[in-house]
N, C-alpha and C. Protein backbone atom coordinates (compact mmCIF):
# COMPACT_ATOMS: atom_id res chain seq x y z
N UNK A 1 4.76 20.32 -6.30
CA UNK A 1 5.58 20.48 -7.48
C UNK A 1 5.67 21.96 -7.82
N UNK A 2 6.72 22.30 -8.60
CA UNK A 2 6.89 23.66 -9.09
C UNK A 2 7.07 23.58 -10.60
N UNK A 3 6.52 24.55 -11.31
CA UNK A 3 6.63 24.56 -12.77
C UNK A 3 6.72 26.00 -13.24
N UNK A 4 7.38 26.17 -14.39
CA UNK A 4 7.46 27.49 -15.00
C UNK A 4 6.14 27.84 -15.66
N UNK A 5 6.03 29.09 -16.15
CA UNK A 5 4.82 29.50 -16.85
C UNK A 5 4.53 28.58 -18.02
N UNK A 6 5.59 28.13 -18.72
CA UNK A 6 5.40 27.27 -19.89
C UNK A 6 5.43 25.79 -19.54
N UNK A 7 5.32 25.46 -18.26
CA UNK A 7 5.09 24.07 -17.87
C UNK A 7 6.31 23.23 -17.57
N UNK A 8 7.51 23.80 -17.61
CA UNK A 8 8.72 23.03 -17.30
C UNK A 8 8.81 22.78 -15.80
N UNK A 9 9.21 21.57 -15.41
CA UNK A 9 9.32 21.23 -14.00
C UNK A 9 10.77 21.15 -13.54
N UNK A 10 11.72 21.48 -14.41
CA UNK A 10 13.13 21.43 -14.02
C UNK A 10 13.95 22.34 -14.93
N UNK A 11 15.07 22.80 -14.40
CA UNK A 11 16.08 23.53 -15.17
C UNK A 11 17.40 22.80 -14.94
N UNK A 12 18.01 22.36 -16.04
CA UNK A 12 19.24 21.56 -15.93
C UNK A 12 19.04 20.33 -15.06
N UNK A 13 17.84 19.74 -15.16
CA UNK A 13 17.58 18.46 -14.50
C UNK A 13 17.10 18.54 -13.08
N UNK A 14 17.04 19.74 -12.48
CA UNK A 14 16.56 19.85 -11.10
C UNK A 14 15.52 20.95 -10.99
N UNK A 15 14.67 20.85 -9.99
CA UNK A 15 13.57 21.80 -9.84
C UNK A 15 13.96 23.03 -9.03
N UNK A 16 15.08 22.95 -8.29
CA UNK A 16 15.44 24.00 -7.36
C UNK A 16 15.60 25.37 -7.99
N UNK A 17 15.99 25.44 -9.26
CA UNK A 17 16.19 26.72 -9.91
C UNK A 17 14.91 27.45 -10.25
N UNK A 18 13.76 26.79 -10.12
CA UNK A 18 12.50 27.41 -10.48
C UNK A 18 11.85 28.16 -9.32
N UNK A 19 11.93 27.61 -8.13
CA UNK A 19 11.19 28.15 -7.00
C UNK A 19 11.90 29.27 -6.29
N UNK A 20 11.12 30.25 -5.82
CA UNK A 20 11.64 31.35 -5.02
C UNK A 20 11.22 31.19 -3.57
N UNK A 21 11.17 32.32 -2.85
CA UNK A 21 10.88 32.28 -1.42
C UNK A 21 9.49 31.74 -1.13
N UNK A 22 8.51 32.13 -1.95
CA UNK A 22 7.15 31.64 -1.74
C UNK A 22 7.04 30.14 -1.90
N UNK A 23 7.69 29.61 -2.93
CA UNK A 23 7.66 28.17 -3.16
C UNK A 23 8.35 27.43 -2.03
N UNK A 24 9.49 27.94 -1.57
CA UNK A 24 10.22 27.27 -0.49
C UNK A 24 9.40 27.25 0.80
N UNK A 25 8.74 28.36 1.10
CA UNK A 25 7.92 28.41 2.31
C UNK A 25 6.73 27.45 2.20
N UNK A 26 6.10 27.43 1.04
CA UNK A 26 4.97 26.53 0.83
C UNK A 26 5.41 25.08 0.90
N UNK A 27 6.56 24.79 0.30
CA UNK A 27 7.11 23.44 0.30
C UNK A 27 7.33 22.95 1.74
N UNK A 28 7.93 23.80 2.57
CA UNK A 28 8.18 23.41 3.97
C UNK A 28 6.87 23.18 4.71
N UNK A 29 5.89 24.05 4.47
CA UNK A 29 4.60 23.90 5.15
C UNK A 29 3.90 22.61 4.75
N UNK A 30 3.87 22.33 3.43
CA UNK A 30 3.21 21.12 2.95
C UNK A 30 3.91 19.87 3.49
N UNK A 31 5.24 19.92 3.55
CA UNK A 31 6.00 18.77 4.07
C UNK A 31 5.70 18.49 5.55
N UNK A 32 5.16 19.47 6.24
CA UNK A 32 4.83 19.27 7.65
C UNK A 32 3.55 18.50 7.87
N UNK A 33 2.79 18.24 6.81
CA UNK A 33 1.46 17.63 6.94
C UNK A 33 1.46 16.10 6.87
N UNK A 34 2.18 15.45 5.96
CA UNK A 34 1.98 14.01 5.72
C UNK A 34 2.61 13.11 6.77
N UNK A 35 2.13 11.88 6.78
CA UNK A 35 2.77 10.82 7.56
C UNK A 35 3.96 10.26 6.80
N UNK A 36 3.83 10.18 5.48
CA UNK A 36 4.89 9.63 4.62
C UNK A 36 5.05 10.52 3.40
N UNK A 37 6.32 10.80 3.03
CA UNK A 37 6.67 11.50 1.80
C UNK A 37 7.23 10.49 0.82
N UNK A 38 6.66 10.42 -0.38
CA UNK A 38 7.10 9.46 -1.40
C UNK A 38 7.78 10.21 -2.54
N UNK A 39 8.92 9.72 -2.98
CA UNK A 39 9.61 10.28 -4.15
C UNK A 39 10.24 9.14 -4.93
N UNK A 40 10.27 9.27 -6.24
CA UNK A 40 10.92 8.27 -7.09
C UNK A 40 12.43 8.36 -6.91
N UNK A 41 13.11 7.23 -7.12
CA UNK A 41 14.56 7.18 -6.89
C UNK A 41 15.31 8.20 -7.74
N UNK A 42 14.86 8.43 -8.99
CA UNK A 42 15.53 9.39 -9.85
C UNK A 42 15.46 10.80 -9.28
N UNK A 43 14.33 11.16 -8.70
CA UNK A 43 14.18 12.46 -8.06
C UNK A 43 15.05 12.55 -6.82
N UNK A 44 15.10 11.47 -6.05
CA UNK A 44 15.94 11.44 -4.84
C UNK A 44 17.41 11.68 -5.20
N UNK A 45 17.86 11.05 -6.30
CA UNK A 45 19.25 11.22 -6.72
C UNK A 45 19.49 12.62 -7.27
N UNK A 46 18.61 13.09 -8.14
CA UNK A 46 18.81 14.39 -8.80
C UNK A 46 18.77 15.54 -7.80
N UNK A 47 17.88 15.45 -6.81
CA UNK A 47 17.69 16.54 -5.87
C UNK A 47 18.49 16.35 -4.58
N UNK A 48 19.31 15.28 -4.53
CA UNK A 48 20.16 15.02 -3.36
C UNK A 48 19.35 15.03 -2.06
N UNK A 49 18.34 14.19 -2.01
CA UNK A 49 17.45 14.14 -0.85
C UNK A 49 18.18 13.76 0.42
N UNK A 50 17.78 14.41 1.50
CA UNK A 50 18.19 14.00 2.83
C UNK A 50 16.96 13.56 3.61
N UNK A 51 17.15 13.24 4.87
CA UNK A 51 16.03 12.83 5.71
C UNK A 51 15.18 14.04 6.09
N UNK A 52 13.86 13.90 6.18
CA UNK A 52 13.01 15.02 6.61
C UNK A 52 13.42 15.52 8.00
N UNK A 53 13.50 16.83 8.15
CA UNK A 53 13.91 17.43 9.42
C UNK A 53 13.08 18.68 9.67
N UNK A 54 11.83 18.51 10.14
CA UNK A 54 10.94 19.66 10.33
C UNK A 54 11.46 20.62 11.40
N UNK A 55 10.98 21.87 11.31
CA UNK A 55 11.31 22.86 12.33
C UNK A 55 10.64 22.49 13.64
N UNK A 56 11.08 23.13 14.72
CA UNK A 56 10.47 22.86 16.03
C UNK A 56 8.99 23.23 16.03
N UNK A 57 8.63 24.30 15.32
CA UNK A 57 7.22 24.70 15.25
C UNK A 57 6.38 23.63 14.58
N UNK A 58 6.87 23.10 13.46
CA UNK A 58 6.12 22.07 12.76
C UNK A 58 6.08 20.79 13.58
N UNK A 59 7.17 20.47 14.26
CA UNK A 59 7.17 19.30 15.13
C UNK A 59 6.09 19.40 16.21
N UNK A 60 5.98 20.60 16.80
CA UNK A 60 4.97 20.80 17.84
C UNK A 60 3.56 20.65 17.27
N UNK A 61 3.33 21.18 16.07
CA UNK A 61 2.02 21.06 15.43
C UNK A 61 1.70 19.60 15.13
N UNK A 62 2.69 18.86 14.66
CA UNK A 62 2.48 17.44 14.36
C UNK A 62 2.17 16.68 15.66
N UNK A 63 2.90 17.00 16.69
CA UNK A 63 2.67 16.34 17.98
C UNK A 63 1.24 16.58 18.46
N UNK A 64 0.77 17.83 18.33
CA UNK A 64 -0.58 18.18 18.76
C UNK A 64 -1.64 17.44 17.94
N UNK A 65 -1.31 17.10 16.69
CA UNK A 65 -2.25 16.35 15.84
C UNK A 65 -2.17 14.85 16.07
N UNK A 66 -1.26 14.41 16.92
CA UNK A 66 -1.11 12.99 17.18
C UNK A 66 -0.23 12.28 16.18
N UNK A 67 0.57 13.04 15.40
CA UNK A 67 1.49 12.45 14.44
C UNK A 67 2.89 12.34 15.04
N UNK A 68 3.72 11.49 14.42
CA UNK A 68 5.13 11.49 14.75
C UNK A 68 5.70 12.86 14.42
N UNK A 69 6.76 13.27 15.10
CA UNK A 69 7.28 14.62 14.92
C UNK A 69 7.87 14.86 13.54
N UNK A 70 8.29 13.81 12.87
CA UNK A 70 8.82 13.93 11.51
C UNK A 70 8.18 12.88 10.62
N UNK A 71 7.90 13.21 9.36
CA UNK A 71 7.36 12.20 8.45
C UNK A 71 8.46 11.20 8.04
N UNK A 72 8.03 10.04 7.56
CA UNK A 72 8.98 9.08 6.99
C UNK A 72 9.13 9.38 5.51
N UNK A 73 10.30 9.10 4.97
CA UNK A 73 10.52 9.24 3.53
C UNK A 73 10.49 7.87 2.89
N UNK A 74 9.76 7.75 1.81
CA UNK A 74 9.67 6.49 1.07
C UNK A 74 10.22 6.71 -0.34
N UNK A 75 11.14 5.85 -0.77
CA UNK A 75 11.73 5.93 -2.10
C UNK A 75 11.14 4.83 -2.95
N UNK A 76 10.59 5.21 -4.10
CA UNK A 76 10.00 4.23 -5.00
C UNK A 76 11.02 3.87 -6.08
N UNK A 77 11.34 2.59 -6.20
CA UNK A 77 12.38 2.16 -7.14
C UNK A 77 12.18 0.71 -7.55
N UNK A 78 12.38 0.44 -8.83
CA UNK A 78 12.38 -0.95 -9.30
C UNK A 78 13.76 -1.57 -9.18
N UNK A 79 14.80 -0.79 -9.48
CA UNK A 79 16.16 -1.32 -9.55
C UNK A 79 16.87 -1.32 -8.19
N UNK A 80 16.35 -0.55 -7.23
CA UNK A 80 16.98 -0.36 -5.91
C UNK A 80 18.41 0.15 -6.10
N UNK A 81 18.58 1.08 -7.03
CA UNK A 81 19.87 1.74 -7.25
C UNK A 81 19.93 2.94 -6.32
N UNK A 82 20.34 2.69 -5.07
CA UNK A 82 20.29 3.71 -4.03
C UNK A 82 21.64 3.84 -3.35
N UNK A 83 21.97 5.04 -2.94
CA UNK A 83 23.20 5.28 -2.19
C UNK A 83 22.88 5.12 -0.70
N UNK A 84 23.19 3.96 -0.16
CA UNK A 84 22.83 3.66 1.22
C UNK A 84 23.73 4.38 2.22
N UNK A 85 24.77 5.07 1.72
CA UNK A 85 25.63 5.85 2.61
C UNK A 85 25.20 7.32 2.66
N UNK A 86 24.13 7.68 1.95
CA UNK A 86 23.67 9.06 1.91
C UNK A 86 22.95 9.41 3.21
N UNK A 87 22.82 10.71 3.52
CA UNK A 87 22.11 11.13 4.74
C UNK A 87 20.69 10.62 4.81
N UNK A 88 20.09 10.36 3.66
CA UNK A 88 18.73 9.83 3.64
C UNK A 88 18.62 8.56 4.49
N UNK A 89 19.68 7.76 4.47
CA UNK A 89 19.68 6.52 5.24
C UNK A 89 20.46 6.64 6.55
N UNK A 90 21.54 7.40 6.55
CA UNK A 90 22.41 7.44 7.73
C UNK A 90 21.96 8.43 8.79
N UNK A 91 21.15 9.45 8.41
CA UNK A 91 20.77 10.49 9.36
C UNK A 91 19.27 10.54 9.63
N UNK A 92 18.52 9.58 9.11
CA UNK A 92 17.06 9.60 9.29
C UNK A 92 16.69 9.26 10.73
N UNK A 93 15.83 10.11 11.32
CA UNK A 93 15.38 9.79 12.68
C UNK A 93 14.28 8.74 12.67
N UNK A 94 13.66 8.53 11.52
CA UNK A 94 12.70 7.44 11.35
C UNK A 94 13.16 6.61 10.16
N UNK A 95 13.09 5.31 10.30
CA UNK A 95 13.58 4.41 9.25
C UNK A 95 12.90 4.72 7.92
N UNK A 96 13.67 4.93 6.84
CA UNK A 96 13.06 5.18 5.54
C UNK A 96 12.37 3.94 5.00
N UNK A 97 11.48 4.16 4.07
CA UNK A 97 10.79 3.07 3.37
C UNK A 97 11.34 2.97 1.96
N UNK A 98 11.44 1.75 1.46
CA UNK A 98 11.78 1.52 0.06
C UNK A 98 10.63 0.74 -0.55
N UNK A 99 9.97 1.34 -1.54
CA UNK A 99 8.84 0.70 -2.22
C UNK A 99 9.34 0.16 -3.54
N UNK A 100 9.24 -1.14 -3.73
CA UNK A 100 9.79 -1.78 -4.92
C UNK A 100 8.87 -2.92 -5.37
N UNK A 101 9.39 -3.76 -6.25
CA UNK A 101 8.57 -4.86 -6.78
C UNK A 101 8.89 -6.17 -6.06
N UNK A 102 8.02 -7.14 -6.26
CA UNK A 102 8.22 -8.46 -5.66
C UNK A 102 9.35 -9.23 -6.33
N UNK A 103 9.80 -8.75 -7.50
CA UNK A 103 10.87 -9.43 -8.24
C UNK A 103 12.19 -8.66 -8.15
N UNK A 104 12.29 -7.74 -7.21
CA UNK A 104 13.51 -6.94 -7.07
C UNK A 104 14.70 -7.81 -6.70
N UNK A 105 15.91 -7.34 -7.03
CA UNK A 105 17.14 -8.06 -6.76
C UNK A 105 17.27 -8.35 -5.25
N UNK A 106 17.46 -9.63 -4.91
CA UNK A 106 17.47 -10.04 -3.50
C UNK A 106 18.68 -9.50 -2.74
N UNK A 107 19.82 -9.42 -3.41
CA UNK A 107 21.01 -8.90 -2.72
C UNK A 107 20.83 -7.42 -2.39
N UNK A 108 20.26 -6.66 -3.33
CA UNK A 108 20.04 -5.23 -3.07
C UNK A 108 18.97 -5.04 -2.00
N UNK A 109 17.97 -5.90 -2.01
CA UNK A 109 16.95 -5.84 -0.96
C UNK A 109 17.58 -6.08 0.41
N UNK A 110 18.45 -7.08 0.49
CA UNK A 110 19.11 -7.39 1.76
C UNK A 110 19.97 -6.22 2.24
N UNK A 111 20.64 -5.55 1.31
CA UNK A 111 21.47 -4.40 1.67
C UNK A 111 20.61 -3.26 2.20
N UNK A 112 19.45 -3.04 1.59
CA UNK A 112 18.54 -1.99 2.04
C UNK A 112 18.06 -2.27 3.46
N UNK A 113 17.69 -3.51 3.71
CA UNK A 113 17.22 -3.88 5.05
C UNK A 113 18.35 -3.73 6.07
N UNK A 114 19.57 -4.13 5.67
CA UNK A 114 20.73 -3.99 6.56
C UNK A 114 21.02 -2.53 6.89
N UNK A 115 20.65 -1.64 5.96
CA UNK A 115 20.86 -0.21 6.19
C UNK A 115 19.79 0.40 7.08
N UNK A 116 18.82 -0.42 7.50
CA UNK A 116 17.81 0.04 8.43
C UNK A 116 16.49 0.44 7.81
N UNK A 117 16.33 0.25 6.50
CA UNK A 117 15.09 0.64 5.83
C UNK A 117 14.05 -0.48 5.91
N UNK A 118 12.81 -0.08 5.77
CA UNK A 118 11.70 -1.04 5.68
C UNK A 118 11.30 -1.16 4.22
N UNK A 119 10.97 -2.36 3.77
CA UNK A 119 10.65 -2.60 2.36
C UNK A 119 9.18 -2.93 2.19
N UNK A 120 8.56 -2.31 1.18
CA UNK A 120 7.22 -2.68 0.73
C UNK A 120 7.35 -3.17 -0.70
N UNK A 121 7.00 -4.42 -0.95
CA UNK A 121 7.08 -5.02 -2.28
C UNK A 121 5.67 -5.15 -2.85
N UNK A 122 5.44 -4.56 -4.02
CA UNK A 122 4.11 -4.57 -4.63
C UNK A 122 4.25 -4.63 -6.14
N UNK A 123 3.67 -5.64 -6.77
CA UNK A 123 3.75 -5.78 -8.21
C UNK A 123 4.98 -6.56 -8.63
N UNK A 124 4.99 -6.99 -9.89
CA UNK A 124 6.11 -7.79 -10.38
C UNK A 124 7.00 -7.01 -11.33
N UNK A 125 6.52 -6.65 -12.53
CA UNK A 125 7.36 -5.89 -13.46
C UNK A 125 7.55 -4.46 -13.04
N UNK A 126 6.44 -3.79 -12.74
CA UNK A 126 6.44 -2.42 -12.23
C UNK A 126 5.83 -2.42 -10.84
N UNK A 127 6.11 -1.36 -10.10
CA UNK A 127 5.50 -1.23 -8.78
C UNK A 127 4.00 -1.01 -8.96
N UNK A 128 3.21 -1.80 -8.25
CA UNK A 128 1.76 -1.63 -8.24
C UNK A 128 1.44 -0.55 -7.21
N UNK A 129 1.17 0.66 -7.69
CA UNK A 129 1.01 1.79 -6.79
C UNK A 129 -0.21 1.64 -5.90
N UNK A 130 -1.31 1.14 -6.44
CA UNK A 130 -2.51 0.95 -5.62
C UNK A 130 -2.25 -0.03 -4.49
N UNK A 131 -1.53 -1.11 -4.80
CA UNK A 131 -1.20 -2.10 -3.78
C UNK A 131 -0.24 -1.50 -2.75
N UNK A 132 0.75 -0.75 -3.21
CA UNK A 132 1.73 -0.16 -2.29
C UNK A 132 1.07 0.86 -1.37
N UNK A 133 0.21 1.72 -1.93
CA UNK A 133 -0.45 2.71 -1.10
C UNK A 133 -1.46 2.05 -0.16
N UNK A 134 -2.04 0.95 -0.61
CA UNK A 134 -2.92 0.19 0.27
C UNK A 134 -2.16 -0.37 1.46
N UNK A 135 -0.94 -0.82 1.22
CA UNK A 135 -0.10 -1.33 2.31
C UNK A 135 0.22 -0.21 3.30
N UNK A 136 0.49 0.98 2.78
CA UNK A 136 0.73 2.12 3.67
C UNK A 136 -0.50 2.41 4.52
N UNK A 137 -1.65 2.39 3.90
CA UNK A 137 -2.90 2.65 4.62
C UNK A 137 -3.10 1.62 5.73
N UNK A 138 -2.87 0.35 5.41
CA UNK A 138 -3.07 -0.71 6.40
C UNK A 138 -2.08 -0.59 7.56
N UNK A 139 -0.94 0.06 7.32
CA UNK A 139 0.05 0.23 8.38
C UNK A 139 -0.25 1.45 9.26
N UNK A 140 -1.34 2.15 8.95
CA UNK A 140 -1.73 3.29 9.76
C UNK A 140 -1.43 4.64 9.16
N UNK A 141 -0.90 4.68 7.94
CA UNK A 141 -0.59 5.95 7.27
C UNK A 141 -1.88 6.59 6.78
N UNK A 142 -2.09 7.86 7.16
CA UNK A 142 -3.30 8.54 6.75
C UNK A 142 -3.10 9.51 5.59
N UNK A 143 -1.94 10.16 5.56
CA UNK A 143 -1.68 11.18 4.53
C UNK A 143 -0.35 10.89 3.86
N UNK A 144 -0.38 10.79 2.53
CA UNK A 144 0.83 10.56 1.73
C UNK A 144 1.05 11.78 0.84
N UNK A 145 2.26 12.31 0.88
CA UNK A 145 2.66 13.39 -0.02
C UNK A 145 3.63 12.83 -1.04
N UNK A 146 3.33 13.02 -2.32
CA UNK A 146 4.21 12.55 -3.39
C UNK A 146 4.91 13.75 -4.01
N UNK A 147 6.24 13.69 -4.10
CA UNK A 147 7.03 14.81 -4.62
C UNK A 147 7.61 14.53 -5.99
N UNK A 148 7.04 13.55 -6.69
CA UNK A 148 7.47 13.31 -8.07
C UNK A 148 8.58 12.28 -8.17
N UNK A 149 9.22 12.25 -9.33
CA UNK A 149 9.10 13.17 -10.42
C UNK A 149 7.89 12.96 -11.33
N UNK A 150 7.94 13.62 -12.49
CA UNK A 150 6.81 13.60 -13.41
C UNK A 150 6.36 12.21 -13.85
N UNK A 151 7.30 11.27 -14.02
CA UNK A 151 6.89 9.91 -14.43
C UNK A 151 6.05 9.25 -13.35
N UNK A 152 6.48 9.38 -12.09
CA UNK A 152 5.69 8.84 -10.99
C UNK A 152 4.34 9.54 -10.91
N UNK A 153 4.34 10.86 -11.06
CA UNK A 153 3.08 11.59 -11.05
C UNK A 153 2.13 11.06 -12.13
N UNK A 154 2.68 10.81 -13.32
CA UNK A 154 1.86 10.30 -14.40
C UNK A 154 1.26 8.94 -14.07
N UNK A 155 2.02 8.08 -13.42
CA UNK A 155 1.51 6.77 -13.02
C UNK A 155 0.38 6.91 -12.00
N UNK A 156 0.53 7.87 -11.08
CA UNK A 156 -0.51 8.10 -10.09
C UNK A 156 -1.79 8.61 -10.75
N UNK A 157 -1.64 9.51 -11.72
CA UNK A 157 -2.80 10.03 -12.44
C UNK A 157 -3.51 8.88 -13.17
N UNK A 158 -2.74 8.04 -13.85
CA UNK A 158 -3.32 6.93 -14.60
C UNK A 158 -4.04 5.94 -13.68
N UNK A 159 -3.53 5.79 -12.45
CA UNK A 159 -4.13 4.85 -11.50
C UNK A 159 -5.26 5.48 -10.70
N UNK A 160 -5.55 6.75 -10.92
CA UNK A 160 -6.63 7.42 -10.20
C UNK A 160 -6.34 7.62 -8.72
N UNK A 161 -5.07 7.83 -8.38
CA UNK A 161 -4.67 7.91 -6.97
C UNK A 161 -4.37 9.33 -6.50
N UNK A 162 -4.72 10.32 -7.30
CA UNK A 162 -4.42 11.71 -6.93
C UNK A 162 -5.66 12.36 -6.33
N UNK A 163 -5.57 12.78 -5.07
CA UNK A 163 -6.68 13.45 -4.39
C UNK A 163 -6.53 14.96 -4.40
N UNK A 164 -5.29 15.44 -4.40
CA UNK A 164 -5.08 16.89 -4.49
C UNK A 164 -3.73 17.16 -5.13
N UNK A 165 -3.59 18.36 -5.66
CA UNK A 165 -2.36 18.78 -6.33
C UNK A 165 -1.96 20.13 -5.76
N UNK A 166 -0.72 20.23 -5.29
CA UNK A 166 -0.16 21.51 -4.85
C UNK A 166 0.94 21.88 -5.83
N UNK A 167 0.80 23.02 -6.48
CA UNK A 167 1.77 23.42 -7.49
C UNK A 167 2.06 24.91 -7.39
N UNK A 168 3.33 25.24 -7.47
CA UNK A 168 3.76 26.63 -7.57
C UNK A 168 4.04 26.94 -9.03
N UNK A 169 3.41 27.99 -9.55
CA UNK A 169 3.69 28.46 -10.90
C UNK A 169 4.71 29.58 -10.78
N UNK A 170 5.93 29.32 -11.25
CA UNK A 170 7.01 30.30 -11.15
C UNK A 170 6.94 31.28 -12.31
N UNK A 171 7.19 32.57 -12.07
CA UNK A 171 7.11 33.57 -13.14
C UNK A 171 8.34 33.53 -14.04
N UNK A 172 8.53 32.38 -14.68
CA UNK A 172 9.73 32.13 -15.47
C UNK A 172 9.35 31.39 -16.74
N UNK A 173 10.01 31.73 -17.85
CA UNK A 173 9.90 30.96 -19.09
C UNK A 173 11.19 30.17 -19.26
N UNK A 174 11.05 28.87 -19.58
CA UNK A 174 12.21 27.98 -19.64
C UNK A 174 12.45 27.44 -21.04
N UNK A 175 11.38 27.08 -21.75
CA UNK A 175 11.55 26.44 -23.05
C UNK A 175 12.18 25.06 -22.89
N UNK A 176 12.86 24.60 -23.94
CA UNK A 176 13.54 23.31 -23.85
C UNK A 176 12.58 22.14 -23.83
N UNK A 177 13.07 21.00 -23.34
CA UNK A 177 12.28 19.78 -23.37
C UNK A 177 12.04 19.21 -21.97
N UNK A 178 12.04 20.07 -20.94
CA UNK A 178 11.80 19.61 -19.58
C UNK A 178 10.43 18.95 -19.47
N UNK A 179 10.33 17.95 -18.60
CA UNK A 179 9.08 17.21 -18.43
C UNK A 179 8.00 18.10 -17.83
N UNK A 180 6.75 17.79 -18.15
CA UNK A 180 5.62 18.48 -17.55
C UNK A 180 5.34 17.88 -16.18
N UNK A 181 4.32 18.38 -15.51
CA UNK A 181 4.02 17.97 -14.14
C UNK A 181 3.81 16.47 -14.02
N UNK A 182 3.10 15.90 -14.97
CA UNK A 182 2.86 14.46 -15.00
C UNK A 182 2.89 14.01 -16.44
N UNK A 183 3.62 12.94 -16.72
CA UNK A 183 3.63 12.44 -18.09
C UNK A 183 3.71 10.93 -18.09
N UNK A 184 3.32 10.35 -19.22
CA UNK A 184 3.29 8.90 -19.34
C UNK A 184 1.98 8.48 -19.95
N UNK A 185 1.40 7.41 -19.44
CA UNK A 185 0.15 6.86 -19.96
C UNK A 185 -0.97 7.89 -19.87
N UNK A 186 -1.74 8.03 -20.95
CA UNK A 186 -2.85 8.97 -20.96
C UNK A 186 -4.00 8.42 -20.12
N UNK A 187 -4.54 9.26 -19.26
CA UNK A 187 -5.65 8.85 -18.40
C UNK A 187 -6.89 9.67 -18.73
N UNK A 188 -8.05 9.17 -18.32
CA UNK A 188 -9.28 9.93 -18.50
C UNK A 188 -9.20 11.19 -17.67
N UNK A 189 -9.57 12.35 -18.23
CA UNK A 189 -9.49 13.60 -17.47
C UNK A 189 -10.33 13.54 -16.19
N UNK A 190 -9.82 14.11 -15.12
CA UNK A 190 -10.58 14.19 -13.87
C UNK A 190 -10.60 15.65 -13.43
N UNK A 191 -11.68 16.04 -12.79
CA UNK A 191 -11.89 17.45 -12.44
C UNK A 191 -11.38 17.76 -11.04
N UNK A 192 -10.76 18.94 -10.92
CA UNK A 192 -10.28 19.42 -9.62
C UNK A 192 -10.79 20.83 -9.39
N UNK A 193 -10.87 21.20 -8.12
CA UNK A 193 -11.34 22.53 -7.74
C UNK A 193 -10.21 23.28 -7.06
N UNK A 194 -10.09 24.58 -7.33
CA UNK A 194 -9.07 25.40 -6.70
C UNK A 194 -9.50 25.70 -5.26
N UNK A 195 -8.72 25.20 -4.29
CA UNK A 195 -9.05 25.38 -2.88
C UNK A 195 -8.33 26.57 -2.27
N UNK A 196 -7.07 26.78 -2.65
CA UNK A 196 -6.30 27.90 -2.11
C UNK A 196 -5.37 28.42 -3.21
N UNK A 197 -5.09 29.72 -3.16
CA UNK A 197 -4.04 30.29 -4.00
C UNK A 197 -3.37 31.42 -3.22
N UNK A 198 -2.05 31.35 -3.15
CA UNK A 198 -1.24 32.37 -2.47
C UNK A 198 -0.29 32.97 -3.49
N UNK A 199 0.05 34.25 -3.31
CA UNK A 199 0.97 34.91 -4.24
C UNK A 199 2.08 35.60 -3.46
N UNK A 200 3.31 35.45 -3.94
CA UNK A 200 4.45 36.16 -3.38
C UNK A 200 5.45 36.41 -4.50
N UNK A 201 5.75 37.68 -4.74
CA UNK A 201 6.74 38.07 -5.75
C UNK A 201 6.47 37.42 -7.10
N UNK A 202 5.19 37.35 -7.46
CA UNK A 202 4.83 36.80 -8.77
C UNK A 202 4.66 35.30 -8.81
N UNK A 203 5.03 34.60 -7.75
CA UNK A 203 4.81 33.15 -7.68
C UNK A 203 3.38 32.88 -7.23
N UNK A 204 2.71 31.94 -7.90
CA UNK A 204 1.37 31.52 -7.50
C UNK A 204 1.46 30.11 -6.92
N UNK A 205 1.12 30.00 -5.65
CA UNK A 205 1.14 28.70 -4.97
C UNK A 205 -0.30 28.23 -4.88
N UNK A 206 -0.64 27.20 -5.64
CA UNK A 206 -2.03 26.77 -5.80
C UNK A 206 -2.24 25.37 -5.21
N UNK A 207 -3.39 25.20 -4.59
CA UNK A 207 -3.80 23.89 -4.08
C UNK A 207 -5.13 23.52 -4.72
N UNK A 208 -5.14 22.41 -5.44
CA UNK A 208 -6.34 21.90 -6.08
C UNK A 208 -6.77 20.61 -5.39
N UNK A 209 -8.07 20.43 -5.19
CA UNK A 209 -8.57 19.19 -4.62
C UNK A 209 -9.54 18.54 -5.61
N UNK A 210 -9.60 17.21 -5.56
CA UNK A 210 -10.48 16.50 -6.48
C UNK A 210 -11.91 16.96 -6.29
N UNK A 211 -12.61 17.22 -7.40
CA UNK A 211 -14.00 17.67 -7.35
C UNK A 211 -14.87 16.62 -6.70
N UNK A 212 -15.83 17.06 -5.89
CA UNK A 212 -16.70 16.10 -5.20
C UNK A 212 -17.63 15.38 -6.16
N UNK A 213 -17.92 16.03 -7.28
CA UNK A 213 -18.73 15.37 -8.31
C UNK A 213 -18.17 15.78 -9.66
N UNK A 214 -18.11 14.82 -10.56
CA UNK A 214 -17.55 15.08 -11.89
C UNK A 214 -18.60 14.80 -12.96
N UNK A 215 -18.62 15.60 -14.01
CA UNK A 215 -19.59 15.38 -15.10
C UNK A 215 -19.48 13.96 -15.65
N UNK A 216 -20.63 13.33 -15.84
CA UNK A 216 -20.63 11.99 -16.44
C UNK A 216 -20.26 10.90 -15.46
């Protein structure tokens, strides 16, 4: 994720206006690591997501690690309000995943499957994130990268499913009412340790990992 000095995660509804060269380079590098990239449907629509397309260098590194050359993209949605004609579905070299509920609209589910996507259904009213991520684990997924948005991040925090946080702090003040990194249900605070910090042109690219032991 990227955020301004005052904590805003978007300008005019999208995050792209916040990040500079350092954030873009870090973003590409981090995207080269996971087996699956998860994003909420609202983020996919707002940021005009396409299919992951790593560079040849990253593909070679993934191959050497025994991973597929490109990660799969998973869209988390209750309503399945998705543009199945978008490059995310039409140009993906690996079938995208759609994570939804067990009570999702059957016609929309059928359309998603017809478009070549794989469906994971978990939970009834809302997506049960622990169940969905458990299904990914059972299918052989080792590393999941979540790219937001803030509501999804907040649900992950509340469910205790966050192992590390990568955030770029942009040297920008935004003001306004943009969402913070994670918002929603209040969760018990958990401790993280700063593992890496990189700086370029005033941008701080930070990686935090869950503390091995927490007070209490």
